[in-house]
Amino acid sequence: MDQTFAEHFAAEWIAAWNAHDLARVLAHYAEDFEMSSPMIVQLANEPSGTLRGKKAIGAYWARALSMIPDLKFELLSVLAGVNSITLYYKSAHGRLAAEVFHFGADRLVTKAYAHYAG
């Protein structure tokens, strides 16, 4: 994973979320990707904290966007790994988050893990 790709992915991912364009957000992900987040436990009532597939995760994100109409992210840092990227960002409400993205050979996200401070 080179830094140029990581920074391009980060800029596009943040812009898609800030535009509240769910189709644009989902374009970064493989059809059968897996997402784990403490917010899935709360908003999707899924005790495992994990959802699979664009349909299930898209529905979860659509609900989250409707509940947080002023959602905006500010990118703080981009960290590149071997086949992964970690984005460190802040929400409009000041909550810090780090999200780890694992990529397949096609450079689409296959797994993502969200982590939140406070």
PDB file of N, CA and C in Angstrom:
ATOM      1  N   MET A   1       0.863  -1.168   0.000  1.00  0.00           N
ATOM      2  CA  MET A   1       0.000   0.000   0.000  1.00  0.00           C
ATOM      3  C   MET A   1       0.909   1.230   0.000  1.00  0.00           C
ATOM      4  N   ASP A   2       0.859   1.997  -1.071  1.00  0.00           N
ATOM      5  CA  ASP A   2       1.714   3.178  -1.106  1.00  0.00           C
ATOM      6  C   ASP A   2       0.972   4.394  -0.541  1.00  0.00           C
ATOM      7  N   GLN A   3       1.735   5.356  -0.083  1.00  0.00           N
ATOM      8  CA  GLN A   3       1.177   6.540   0.574  1.00  0.00           C
ATOM      9  C   GLN A   3       0.284   7.352  -0.377  1.00  0.00           C
ATOM     10  N   THR A   4       0.633   7.386  -1.658  1.00  0.00           N
ATOM     11  CA  THR A   4      -0.178   8.134  -2.627  1.00  0.00           C
ATOM     12  C   THR A   4      -1.586   7.555  -2.707  1.00  0.00           C
ATOM     13  N   PHE A   5      -1.694   6.221  -2.832  1.00  0.00           N
ATOM     14  CA  PHE A   5      -3.011   5.591  -2.855  1.00  0.00           C
ATOM     15  C   PHE A   5      -3.744   5.846  -1.544  1.00  0.00           C
ATOM     16  N   ALA A   6      -3.041   5.697  -0.431  1.00  0.00           N
ATOM     17  CA  ALA A   6      -3.661   5.890   0.887  1.00  0.00           C
ATOM     18  C   ALA A   6      -4.233   7.300   1.028  1.00  0.00           C
ATOM     19  N   GLU A   7      -3.488   8.290   0.613  1.00  0.00           N
ATOM     20  CA  GLU A   7      -3.958   9.677   0.731  1.00  0.00           C
ATOM     21  C   GLU A   7      -5.116   9.958  -0.223  1.00  0.00           C
ATOM     22  N   HIS A   8      -5.065   9.394  -1.427  1.00  0.00           N
ATOM     23  CA  HIS A   8      -6.174   9.560  -2.374  1.00  0.00           C
ATOM     24  C   HIS A   8      -7.443   8.894  -1.833  1.00  0.00           C
ATOM     25  N   PHE A   9      -7.304   7.672  -1.336  1.00  0.00           N
ATOM     26  CA  PHE A   9      -8.445   6.970  -0.750  1.00  0.00           C
ATOM     27  C   PHE A   9      -9.030   7.791   0.399  1.00  0.00           C
ATOM     28  N   ALA A  10      -8.174   8.278   1.285  1.00  0.00           N
ATOM     29  CA  ALA A  10      -8.634   9.037   2.449  1.00  0.00           C
ATOM     30  C   ALA A  10      -9.400  10.289   2.031  1.00  0.00           C
ATOM     31  N   ALA A  11      -8.853  11.040   1.087  1.00  0.00           N
ATOM     32  CA  ALA A  11      -9.501  12.276   0.641  1.00  0.00           C
ATOM     33  C   ALA A  11     -10.868  11.983   0.023  1.00  0.00           C
ATOM     34  N   GLU A  12     -10.947  10.949  -0.800  1.00  0.00           N
ATOM     35  CA  GLU A  12     -12.209  10.592  -1.453  1.00  0.00           C
ATOM     36  C   GLU A  12     -13.221  10.051  -0.444  1.00  0.00           C
ATOM     37  N   TRP A  13     -12.757   9.234   0.497  1.00  0.00           N
ATOM     38  CA  TRP A  13     -13.634   8.650   1.511  1.00  0.00           C
ATOM     39  C   TRP A  13     -14.240   9.740   2.393  1.00  0.00           C
ATOM     40  N   ILE A  14     -13.397  10.664   2.858  1.00  0.00           N
ATOM     41  CA  ILE A  14     -13.878  11.787   3.689  1.00  0.00           C
ATOM     42  C   ILE A  14     -14.860  12.650   2.901  1.00  0.00           C
ATOM     43  N   ALA A  15     -14.522  12.968   1.648  1.00  0.00           N
ATOM     44  CA  ALA A  15     -15.397  13.803   0.813  1.00  0.00           C
ATOM     45  C   ALA A  15     -16.753  13.126   0.594  1.00  0.00           C
ATOM     46  N   ALA A  16     -16.751  11.818   0.363  1.00  0.00           N
ATOM     47  CA  ALA A  16     -18.005  11.090   0.145  1.00  0.00           C
ATOM     48  C   ALA A  16     -18.890  11.131   1.391  1.00  0.00           C
ATOM     49  N   TRP A  17     -18.291  10.896   2.557  1.00  0.00           N
ATOM     50  CA  TRP A  17     -19.058  10.982   3.800  1.00  0.00           C
ATOM     51  C   TRP A  17     -19.564  12.402   4.043  1.00  0.00           C
ATOM     52  N   ASN A  18     -18.713  13.384   3.839  1.00  0.00           N
ATOM     53  CA  ASN A  18     -19.115  14.772   4.091  1.00  0.00           C
ATOM     54  C   ASN A  18     -20.204  15.240   3.135  1.00  0.00           C
ATOM     55  N   ALA A  19     -20.286  14.616   1.954  1.00  0.00           N
ATOM     56  CA  ALA A  19     -21.349  14.918   1.004  1.00  0.00           C
ATOM     57  C   ALA A  19     -22.621  14.124   1.317  1.00  0.00           C
ATOM     58  N   HIS A  20     -22.530  13.206   2.279  1.00  0.00           N
ATOM     59  CA  HIS A  20     -23.641  12.311   2.640  1.00  0.00           C
ATOM     60  C   HIS A  20     -24.107  11.516   1.420  1.00  0.00           C
ATOM     61  N   ASP A  21     -23.143  11.145   0.574  1.00  0.00           N
ATOM     62  CA  ASP A  21     -23.418  10.408  -0.655  1.00  0.00           C
ATOM     63  C   ASP A  21     -23.121   8.927  -0.417  1.00  0.00           C
ATOM     64  N   LEU A  22     -24.146   8.200   0.012  1.00  0.00           N
ATOM     65  CA  LEU A  22     -23.968   6.805   0.396  1.00  0.00           C
ATOM     66  C   LEU A  22     -23.472   5.936  -0.760  1.00  0.00           C
ATOM     67  N   ALA A  23     -23.960   6.156  -1.956  1.00  0.00           N
ATOM     68  CA  ALA A  23     -23.490   5.372  -3.115  1.00  0.00           C
ATOM     69  C   ALA A  23     -21.997   5.603  -3.332  1.00  0.00           C
ATOM     70  N   ARG A  24     -21.560   6.827  -3.182  1.00  0.00           N
ATOM     71  CA  ARG A  24     -20.134   7.169  -3.341  1.00  0.00           C
ATOM     72  C   ARG A  24     -19.301   6.527  -2.241  1.00  0.00           C
ATOM     73  N   VAL A  25     -19.820   6.519  -1.021  1.00  0.00           N
ATOM     74  CA  VAL A  25     -19.111   5.861   0.085  1.00  0.00           C
ATOM     75  C   VAL A  25     -18.977   4.372  -0.212  1.00  0.00           C
ATOM     76  N   LEU A  26     -20.097   3.739  -0.560  1.00  0.00           N
ATOM     77  CA  LEU A  26     -20.104   2.288  -0.787  1.00  0.00           C
ATOM     78  C   LEU A  26     -19.259   1.871  -1.980  1.00  0.00           C
ATOM     79  N   ALA A  27     -18.974   2.775  -2.897  1.00  0.00           N
ATOM     80  CA  ALA A  27     -18.150   2.449  -4.063  1.00  0.00           C
ATOM     81  C   ALA A  27     -16.730   2.041  -3.676  1.00  0.00           C
ATOM     82  N   HIS A  28     -16.304   2.351  -2.460  1.00  0.00           N
ATOM     83  CA  HIS A  28     -14.963   2.009  -1.984  1.00  0.00           C
ATOM     84  C   HIS A  28     -14.862   0.560  -1.489  1.00  0.00           C
ATOM     85  N   TYR A  29     -15.991  -0.138  -1.438  1.00  0.00           N
ATOM     86  CA  TYR A  29     -16.053  -1.429  -0.760  1.00  0.00           C
ATOM     87  C   TYR A  29     -16.428  -2.562  -1.700  1.00  0.00           C
ATOM     88  N   ALA A  30     -15.891  -3.762  -1.420  1.00  0.00           N
ATOM     89  CA  ALA A  30     -16.277  -4.980  -2.129  1.00  0.00           C
ATOM     90  C   ALA A  30     -17.722  -5.328  -1.754  1.00  0.00           C
ATOM     91  N   GLU A  31     -18.406  -6.079  -2.613  1.00  0.00           N
ATOM     92  CA  GLU A  31     -19.811  -6.438  -2.364  1.00  0.00           C
ATOM     93  C   GLU A  31     -20.014  -7.153  -1.031  1.00  0.00           C
ATOM     94  N   ASP A  32     -19.085  -8.018  -0.669  1.00  0.00           N
ATOM     95  CA  ASP A  32     -19.242  -8.848   0.527  1.00  0.00           C
ATOM     96  C   ASP A  32     -18.372  -8.386   1.693  1.00  0.00           C
ATOM     97  N   PHE A  33     -18.050  -7.080   1.740  1.00  0.00           N
ATOM     98  CA  PHE A  33     -17.151  -6.614   2.786  1.00  0.00           C
ATOM     99  C   PHE A  33     -17.784  -6.750   4.167  1.00  0.00           C
ATOM    100  N   GLU A  34     -16.919  -6.702   5.165  1.00  0.00           N
ATOM    101  CA  GLU A  34     -17.318  -6.857   6.555  1.00  0.00           C
ATOM    102  C   GLU A  34     -16.947  -5.591   7.320  1.00  0.00           C
ATOM    103  N   MET A  35     -17.860  -5.111   8.147  1.00  0.00           N
ATOM    104  CA  MET A  35     -17.633  -3.894   8.936  1.00  0.00           C
ATOM    105  C   MET A  35     -17.869  -4.213  10.399  1.00  0.00           C
ATOM    106  N   SER A  36     -16.915  -3.815  11.253  1.00  0.00           N
ATOM    107  CA  SER A  36     -17.063  -3.978  12.700  1.00  0.00           C
ATOM    108  C   SER A  36     -16.943  -2.617  13.357  1.00  0.00           C
ATOM    109  N   SER A  37     -17.879  -2.335  14.264  1.00  0.00           N
ATOM    110  CA  SER A  37     -17.905  -1.044  14.937  1.00  0.00           C
ATOM    111  C   SER A  37     -18.753  -1.127  16.200  1.00  0.00           C
ATOM    112  N   PRO A  38     -18.346  -0.435  17.254  1.00  0.00           N
ATOM    113  CA  PRO A  38     -19.198  -0.367  18.441  1.00  0.00           C
ATOM    114  C   PRO A  38     -20.552   0.280  18.133  1.00  0.00           C
ATOM    115  N   MET A  39     -20.603   1.128  17.107  1.00  0.00           N
ATOM    116  CA  MET A  39     -21.852   1.789  16.740  1.00  0.00           C
ATOM    117  C   MET A  39     -22.854   0.796  16.134  1.00  0.00           C
ATOM    118  N   ILE A  40     -22.361  -0.288  15.551  1.00  0.00           N
ATOM    119  CA  ILE A  40     -23.254  -1.317  15.006  1.00  0.00           C
ATOM    120  C   ILE A  40     -24.045  -1.966  16.136  1.00  0.00           C
ATOM    121  N   VAL A  41     -23.397  -2.144  17.276  1.00  0.00           N
ATOM    122  CA  VAL A  41     -24.090  -2.704  18.441  1.00  0.00           C
ATOM    123  C   VAL A  41     -25.252  -1.799  18.820  1.00  0.00           C
ATOM    124  N   GLN A  42     -25.000  -0.486  18.862  1.00  0.00           N
ATOM    125  CA  GLN A  42     -26.016   0.475  19.299  1.00  0.00           C
ATOM    126  C   GLN A  42     -27.093   0.719  18.248  1.00  0.00           C
ATOM    127  N   LEU A  43     -26.695   1.032  17.011  1.00  0.00           N
ATOM    128  CA  LEU A  43     -27.658   1.462  15.998  1.00  0.00           C
ATOM    129  C   LEU A  43     -28.327   0.317  15.244  1.00  0.00           C
ATOM    130  N   ALA A  44     -27.617  -0.787  15.072  1.00  0.00           N
ATOM    131  CA  ALA A  44     -28.171  -1.900  14.302  1.00  0.00           C
ATOM    132  C   ALA A  44     -28.652  -3.040  15.195  1.00  0.00           C
ATOM    133  N   ASN A  45     -28.499  -2.869  16.505  1.00  0.00           N
ATOM    134  CA  ASN A  45     -28.904  -3.914  17.449  1.00  0.00           C
ATOM    135  C   ASN A  45     -28.262  -5.265  17.139  1.00  0.00           C
ATOM    136  N   GLU A  46     -26.998  -5.207  16.702  1.00  0.00           N
ATOM    137  CA  GLU A  46     -26.253  -6.426  16.366  1.00  0.00           C
ATOM    138  C   GLU A  46     -25.202  -6.633  17.445  1.00  0.00           C
ATOM    139  N   PRO A  47     -25.423  -7.589  18.376  1.00  0.00           N
ATOM    140  CA  PRO A  47     -24.517  -7.772  19.512  1.00  0.00           C
ATOM    141  C   PRO A  47     -23.064  -8.057  19.141  1.00  0.00           C
ATOM    142  N   SER A  48     -22.834  -8.669  17.968  1.00  0.00           N
ATOM    143  CA  SER A  48     -21.459  -8.985  17.568  1.00  0.00           C
ATOM    144  C   SER A  48     -20.692  -7.735  17.153  1.00  0.00           C
ATOM    145  N   GLY A  49     -21.417  -6.662  16.804  1.00  0.00           N
ATOM    146  CA  GLY A  49     -20.770  -5.439  16.329  1.00  0.00           C
ATOM    147  C   GLY A  49     -20.271  -5.539  14.902  1.00  0.00           C
ATOM    148  N   THR A  50     -20.676  -6.591  14.184  1.00  0.00           N
ATOM    149  CA  THR A  50     -20.198  -6.822  12.817  1.00  0.00           C
ATOM    150  C   THR A  50     -21.373  -7.041  11.871  1.00  0.00           C
ATOM    151  N   LEU A  51     -21.290  -6.386  10.706  1.00  0.00           N
ATOM    152  CA  LEU A  51     -22.241  -6.599   9.619  1.00  0.00           C
ATOM    153  C   LEU A  51     -21.469  -7.009   8.374  1.00  0.00           C
ATOM    154  N   ARG A  52     -22.141  -7.728   7.464  1.00  0.00           N
ATOM    155  CA  ARG A  52     -21.504  -8.198   6.233  1.00  0.00           C
ATOM    156  C   ARG A  52     -22.355  -7.838   5.028  1.00  0.00           C
ATOM    157  N   GLY A  53     -21.690  -7.375   3.973  1.00  0.00           N
ATOM    158  CA  GLY A  53     -22.344  -7.104   2.698  1.00  0.00           C
ATOM    159  C   GLY A  53     -22.839  -5.678   2.566  1.00  0.00           C
ATOM    160  N   LYS A  54     -22.784  -5.195   1.319  1.00  0.00           N
ATOM    161  CA  LYS A  54     -23.183  -3.806   1.051  1.00  0.00           C
ATOM    162  C   LYS A  54     -24.632  -3.523   1.427  1.00  0.00           C
ATOM    163  N   LYS A  55     -25.523  -4.499   1.228  1.00  0.00           N
ATOM    164  CA  LYS A  55     -26.934  -4.269   1.523  1.00  0.00           C
ATOM    165  C   LYS A  55     -27.139  -3.995   3.015  1.00  0.00           C
ATOM    166  N   ALA A  56     -26.619  -4.846   3.870  1.00  0.00           N
ATOM    167  CA  ALA A  56     -26.786  -4.690   5.320  1.00  0.00           C
ATOM    168  C   ALA A  56     -26.058  -3.456   5.840  1.00  0.00           C
ATOM    169  N   ILE A  57     -24.837  -3.259   5.389  1.00  0.00           N
ATOM    170  CA  ILE A  57     -24.053  -2.126   5.879  1.00  0.00           C
ATOM    171  C   ILE A  57     -24.594  -0.815   5.304  1.00  0.00           C
ATOM    172  N   GLY A  58     -25.024  -0.838   4.058  1.00  0.00           N
ATOM    173  CA  GLY A  58     -25.632   0.349   3.466  1.00  0.00           C
ATOM    174  C   GLY A  58     -26.874   0.784   4.236  1.00  0.00           C
ATOM    175  N   ALA A  59     -27.704  -0.169   4.643  1.00  0.00           N
ATOM    176  CA  ALA A  59     -28.910   0.153   5.424  1.00  0.00           C
ATOM    177  C   ALA A  59     -28.521   0.752   6.775  1.00  0.00           C
ATOM    178  N   TYR A  60     -27.511   0.189   7.409  1.00  0.00           N
ATOM    179  CA  TYR A  60     -27.014   0.708   8.691  1.00  0.00           C
ATOM    180  C   TYR A  60     -26.484   2.128   8.517  1.00  0.00           C
ATOM    181  N   TRP A  61     -25.681   2.359   7.490  1.00  0.00           N
ATOM    182  CA  TRP A  61     -25.141   3.702   7.271  1.00  0.00           C
ATOM    183  C   TRP A  61     -26.225   4.704   6.890  1.00  0.00           C
ATOM    184  N   ALA A  62     -27.220   4.278   6.127  1.00  0.00           N
ATOM    185  CA  ALA A  62     -28.330   5.173   5.777  1.00  0.00           C
ATOM    186  C   ALA A  62     -29.056   5.614   7.041  1.00  0.00           C
ATOM    187  N   ARG A  63     -29.263   4.693   7.945  1.00  0.00           N
ATOM    188  CA  ARG A  63     -29.906   5.034   9.227  1.00  0.00           C
ATOM    189  C   ARG A  63     -29.046   6.008  10.014  1.00  0.00           C
ATOM    190  N   ALA A  64     -27.751   5.751  10.072  1.00  0.00           N
ATOM    191  CA  ALA A  64     -26.843   6.635  10.810  1.00  0.00           C
ATOM    192  C   ALA A  64     -26.851   8.043  10.211  1.00  0.00           C
ATOM    193  N   LEU A  65     -26.818   8.140   8.884  1.00  0.00           N
ATOM    194  CA  LEU A  65     -26.839   9.459   8.234  1.00  0.00           C
ATOM    195  C   LEU A  65     -28.146  10.200   8.509  1.00  0.00           C
ATOM    196  N   SER A  66     -29.257   9.485   8.570  1.00  0.00           N
ATOM    197  CA  SER A  66     -30.533  10.153   8.862  1.00  0.00           C
ATOM    198  C   SER A  66     -30.596  10.625  10.307  1.00  0.00           C
ATOM    199  N   MET A  67     -29.903   9.927  11.195  1.00  0.00           N
ATOM    200  CA  MET A  67     -29.896  10.298  12.616  1.00  0.00           C
ATOM    201  C   MET A  67     -28.910  11.423  12.914  1.00  0.00           C
ATOM    202  N   ILE A  68     -27.911  11.592  12.048  1.00  0.00           N
ATOM    203  CA  ILE A  68     -26.872  12.610  12.267  1.00  0.00           C
ATOM    204  C   ILE A  68     -26.778  13.466  11.004  1.00  0.00           C
ATOM    205  N   PRO A  69     -27.754  14.352  10.779  1.00  0.00           N
ATOM    206  CA  PRO A  69     -27.789  15.114   9.527  1.00  0.00           C
ATOM    207  C   PRO A  69     -26.630  16.092   9.345  1.00  0.00           C
ATOM    208  N   ASP A  70     -25.959  16.450  10.437  1.00  0.00           N
ATOM    209  CA  ASP A  70     -24.828  17.380  10.332  1.00  0.00           C
ATOM    210  C   ASP A  70     -23.478  16.659  10.367  1.00  0.00           C
ATOM    211  N   LEU A  71     -23.488  15.366  10.066  1.00  0.00           N
ATOM    212  CA  LEU A  71     -22.257  14.568  10.089  1.00  0.00           C
ATOM    213  C   LEU A  71     -21.196  15.166   9.178  1.00  0.00           C
ATOM    214  N   LYS A  72     -20.037  15.419   9.721  1.00  0.00           N
ATOM    215  CA  LYS A  72     -18.862  15.877   8.963  1.00  0.00           C
ATOM    216  C   LYS A  72     -17.635  15.272   9.624  1.00  0.00           C
ATOM    217  N   PHE A  73     -16.684  14.871   8.795  1.00  0.00           N
ATOM    218  CA  PHE A  73     -15.426  14.333   9.290  1.00  0.00           C
ATOM    219  C   PHE A  73     -14.281  15.255   8.900  1.00  0.00           C
ATOM    220  N   GLU A  74     -13.305  15.363   9.792  1.00  0.00           N
ATOM    221  CA  GLU A  74     -12.074  16.107   9.516  1.00  0.00           C
ATOM    222  C   GLU A  74     -10.918  15.117   9.605  1.00  0.00           C
ATOM    223  N   LEU A  75     -10.223  14.912   8.506  1.00  0.00           N
ATOM    224  CA  LEU A  75      -9.111  13.976   8.463  1.00  0.00           C
ATOM    225  C   LEU A  75      -7.925  14.548   9.234  1.00  0.00           C
ATOM    226  N   LEU A  76      -7.382  13.753  10.157  1.00  0.00           N
ATOM    227  CA  LEU A  76      -6.222  14.169  10.944  1.00  0.00           C
ATOM    228  C   LEU A  76      -4.936  13.499  10.477  1.00  0.00           C
ATOM    229  N   SER A  77      -5.032  12.226  10.085  1.00  0.00           N
ATOM    230  CA  SER A  77      -3.825  11.509   9.678  1.00  0.00           C
ATOM    231  C   SER A  77      -4.195  10.283   8.845  1.00  0.00           C
ATOM    232  N   VAL A  78      -3.280   9.919   7.938  1.00  0.00           N
ATOM    233  CA  VAL A  78      -3.428   8.734   7.091  1.00  0.00           C
ATOM    234  C   VAL A  78      -2.203   7.858   7.324  1.00  0.00           C
ATOM    235  N   LEU A  79      -2.437   6.614   7.720  1.00  0.00           N
ATOM    236  CA  LEU A  79      -1.347   5.681   7.968  1.00  0.00           C
ATOM    237  C   LEU A  79      -1.477   4.519   6.995  1.00  0.00           C
ATOM    238  N   ALA A  80      -0.418   4.235   6.247  1.00  0.00           N
ATOM    239  CA  ALA A  80      -0.425   3.152   5.258  1.00  0.00           C
ATOM    240  C   ALA A  80       0.274   1.926   5.826  1.00  0.00           C
ATOM    241  N   GLY A  81      -0.353   0.761   5.629  1.00  0.00           N
ATOM    242  CA  GLY A  81       0.230  -0.515   6.031  1.00  0.00           C
ATOM    243  C   GLY A  81       0.581  -1.325   4.806  1.00  0.00           C
ATOM    244  N   VAL A  82       0.601  -2.654   4.934  1.00  0.00           N
ATOM    245  CA  VAL A  82       0.927  -3.525   3.813  1.00  0.00           C
ATOM    246  C   VAL A  82      -0.258  -3.597   2.850  1.00  0.00           C
ATOM    247  N   ASN A  83      -1.381  -4.105   3.309  1.00  0.00           N
ATOM    248  CA  ASN A  83      -2.618  -4.154   2.523  1.00  0.00           C
ATOM    249  C   ASN A  83      -3.748  -3.445   3.252  1.00  0.00           C
ATOM    250  N   SER A  84      -3.370  -2.452   4.044  1.00  0.00           N
ATOM    251  CA  SER A  84      -4.362  -1.750   4.846  1.00  0.00           C
ATOM    252  C   SER A  84      -3.992  -0.281   5.016  1.00  0.00           C
ATOM    253  N   ILE A  85      -5.014   0.472   5.395  1.00  0.00           N
ATOM    254  CA  ILE A  85      -4.867   1.902   5.675  1.00  0.00           C
ATOM    255  C   ILE A  85      -5.623   2.180   6.960  1.00  0.00           C
ATOM    256  N   THR A  86      -5.085   3.052   7.789  1.00  0.00           N
ATOM    257  CA  THR A  86      -5.810   3.534   8.956  1.00  0.00           C
ATOM    258  C   THR A  86      -6.015   5.027   8.792  1.00  0.00           C
ATOM    259  N   LEU A  87      -7.282   5.453   8.934  1.00  0.00           N
ATOM    260  CA  LEU A  87      -7.607   6.873   8.913  1.00  0.00           C
ATOM    261  C   LEU A  87      -7.920   7.311  10.334  1.00  0.00           C
ATOM    262  N   TYR A  88      -7.293   8.380  10.733  1.00  0.00           N
ATOM    263  CA  TYR A  88      -7.535   8.979  12.036  1.00  0.00           C
ATOM    264  C   TYR A  88      -8.263  10.281  11.761  1.00  0.00           C
ATOM    265  N   TYR A  89      -9.472  10.428  12.308  1.00  0.00           N
ATOM    266  CA  TYR A  89     -10.282  11.587  11.970  1.00  0.00           C
ATOM    267  C   TYR A  89     -11.115  12.040  13.161  1.00  0.00           C
ATOM    268  N   LYS A  90     -11.728  13.200  12.997  1.00  0.00           N
ATOM    269  CA  LYS A  90     -12.553  13.796  14.033  1.00  0.00           C
ATOM    270  C   LYS A  90     -13.909  14.131  13.429  1.00  0.00           C
ATOM    271  N   SER A  91     -14.960  13.889  14.199  1.00  0.00           N
ATOM    272  CA  SER A  91     -16.298  14.251  13.733  1.00  0.00           C
ATOM    273  C   SER A  91     -16.565  15.716  14.059  1.00  0.00           C
ATOM    274  N   ALA A  92     -17.641  16.238  13.499  1.00  0.00           N
ATOM    275  CA  ALA A  92     -18.021  17.630  13.747  1.00  0.00           C
ATOM    276  C   ALA A  92     -18.264  17.877  15.231  1.00  0.00           C
ATOM    277  N   HIS A  93     -18.602  16.831  15.959  1.00  0.00           N
ATOM    278  CA  HIS A  93     -18.865  16.955  17.388  1.00  0.00           C
ATOM    279  C   HIS A  93     -17.605  16.735  18.222  1.00  0.00           C
ATOM    280  N   GLY A  94     -16.463  16.614  17.554  1.00  0.00           N
ATOM    281  CA  GLY A  94     -15.188  16.500  18.248  1.00  0.00           C
ATOM    282  C   GLY A  94     -14.797  15.103  18.672  1.00  0.00           C
ATOM    283  N   ARG A  95     -15.582  14.104  18.341  1.00  0.00           N
ATOM    284  CA  ARG A  95     -15.250  12.732  18.720  1.00  0.00           C
ATOM    285  C   ARG A  95     -14.146  12.202  17.813  1.00  0.00           C
ATOM    286  N   LEU A  96     -13.115  11.636  18.409  1.00  0.00           N
ATOM    287  CA  LEU A  96     -11.994  11.080  17.651  1.00  0.00           C
ATOM    288  C   LEU A  96     -12.287   9.645  17.243  1.00  0.00           C
ATOM    289  N   ALA A  97     -11.833   9.291  16.042  1.00  0.00           N
ATOM    290  CA  ALA A  97     -12.040   7.938  15.528  1.00  0.00           C
ATOM    291  C   ALA A  97     -10.823   7.504  14.727  1.00  0.00           C
ATOM    292  N   ALA A  98     -10.588   6.208  14.730  1.00  0.00           N
ATOM    293  CA  ALA A  98      -9.595   5.591  13.857  1.00  0.00           C
ATOM    294  C   ALA A  98     -10.295   4.439  13.162  1.00  0.00           C
ATOM    295  N   GLU A  99     -10.163   4.387  11.851  1.00  0.00           N
ATOM    296  CA  GLU A  99     -10.801   3.320  11.100  1.00  0.00           C
ATOM    297  C   GLU A  99      -9.730   2.615  10.278  1.00  0.00           C
ATOM    298  N   VAL A 100      -9.707   1.293  10.396  1.00  0.00           N
ATOM    299  CA  VAL A 100      -8.728   0.459   9.701  1.00  0.00           C
ATOM    300  C   VAL A 100      -9.436  -0.223   8.535  1.00  0.00           C
ATOM    301  N   PHE A 101      -8.858  -0.088   7.340  1.00  0.00           N
ATOM    302  CA  PHE A 101      -9.422  -0.650   6.117  1.00  0.00           C
ATOM    303  C   PHE A 101      -8.457  -1.683   5.552  1.00  0.00           C
ATOM    304  N   HIS A 102      -8.944  -2.892   5.307  1.00  0.00           N
ATOM    305  CA  HIS A 102      -8.154  -3.934   4.646  1.00  0.00           C
ATOM    306  C   HIS A 102      -8.647  -4.051   3.212  1.00  0.00           C
ATOM    307  N   PHE A 103      -7.709  -4.151   2.281  1.00  0.00           N
ATOM    308  CA  PHE A 103      -8.024  -4.114   0.858  1.00  0.00           C
ATOM    309  C   PHE A 103      -7.742  -5.448   0.180  1.00  0.00           C
ATOM    310  N   GLY A 104      -8.563  -5.755  -0.832  1.00  0.00           N
ATOM    311  CA  GLY A 104      -8.326  -6.900  -1.694  1.00  0.00           C
ATOM    312  C   GLY A 104      -7.423  -6.496  -2.845  1.00  0.00           C
ATOM    313  N   ALA A 105      -7.137  -7.436  -3.718  1.00  0.00           N
ATOM    314  CA  ALA A 105      -6.260  -7.184  -4.871  1.00  0.00           C
ATOM    315  C   ALA A 105      -6.816  -6.104  -5.792  1.00  0.00           C
ATOM    316  N   ASP A 106      -8.141  -5.930  -5.803  1.00  0.00           N
ATOM    317  CA  ASP A 106      -8.781  -4.921  -6.654  1.00  0.00           C
ATOM    318  C   ASP A 106      -8.797  -3.531  -6.012  1.00  0.00           C
ATOM    319  N   ARG A 107      -8.167  -3.434  -4.839  1.00  0.00           N
ATOM    320  CA  ARG A 107      -8.082  -2.170  -4.073  1.00  0.00           C
ATOM    321  C   ARG A 107      -9.439  -1.684  -3.579  1.00  0.00           C
ATOM    322  N   LEU A 108     -10.355  -2.617  -3.372  1.00  0.00           N
ATOM    323  CA  LEU A 108     -11.609  -2.324  -2.694  1.00  0.00           C
ATOM    324  C   LEU A 108     -11.508  -2.853  -1.267  1.00  0.00           C
ATOM    325  N   VAL A 109     -12.198  -2.202  -0.359  1.00  0.00           N
ATOM    326  CA  VAL A 109     -12.149  -2.583   1.053  1.00  0.00           C
ATOM    327  C   VAL A 109     -12.888  -3.902   1.242  1.00  0.00           C
ATOM    328  N   THR A 110     -12.222  -4.860   1.905  1.00  0.00           N
ATOM    329  CA  THR A 110     -12.833  -6.146   2.207  1.00  0.00           C
ATOM    330  C   THR A 110     -13.260  -6.237   3.674  1.00  0.00           C
ATOM    331  N   LYS A 111     -12.541  -5.513   4.535  1.00  0.00           N
ATOM    332  CA  LYS A 111     -12.876  -5.470   5.965  1.00  0.00           C
ATOM    333  C   LYS A 111     -12.549  -4.077   6.487  1.00  0.00           C
ATOM    334  N   ALA A 112     -13.391  -3.602   7.406  1.00  0.00           N
ATOM    335  CA  ALA A 112     -13.146  -2.311   8.034  1.00  0.00           C
ATOM    336  C   ALA A 112     -13.486  -2.425   9.515  1.00  0.00           C
ATOM    337  N   TYR A 113     -12.675  -1.756  10.327  1.00  0.00           N
ATOM    338  CA  TYR A 113     -12.831  -1.779  11.776  1.00  0.00           C
ATOM    339  C   TYR A 113     -12.792  -0.343  12.290  1.00  0.00           C
ATOM    340  N   ALA A 114     -13.870   0.083  12.933  1.00  0.00           N
ATOM    341  CA  ALA A 114     -13.936   1.449  13.467  1.00  0.00           C
ATOM    342  C   ALA A 114     -13.662   1.413  14.975  1.00  0.00           C
ATOM    343  N   HIS A 115     -12.914   2.425  15.421  1.00  0.00           N
ATOM    344  CA  HIS A 115     -12.562   2.587  16.826  1.00  0.00           C
ATOM    345  C   HIS A 115     -12.834   4.028  17.223  1.00  0.00           C
ATOM    346  N   TYR A 116     -13.373   4.247  18.404  1.00  0.00           N
ATOM    347  CA  TYR A 116     -13.748   5.591  18.846  1.00  0.00           C
ATOM    348  C   TYR A 116     -13.165   5.908  20.214  1.00  0.00           C
ATOM    349  N   ALA A 117     -12.824   7.178  20.416  1.00  0.00           N
ATOM    350  CA  ALA A 117     -12.374   7.653  21.722  1.00  0.00           C
ATOM    351  C   ALA A 117     -13.588   8.204  22.474  1.00  0.00           C
ATOM    352  N   GLY A 118     -13.636   7.929  23.725  1.00  0.00           N
ATOM    353  CA  GLY A 118     -14.693   8.489  24.593  1.00  0.00           C
ATOM    354  C   GLY A 118     -16.011   8.090  24.212  1.00  0.00           C
TER     355      GLY A 118
END
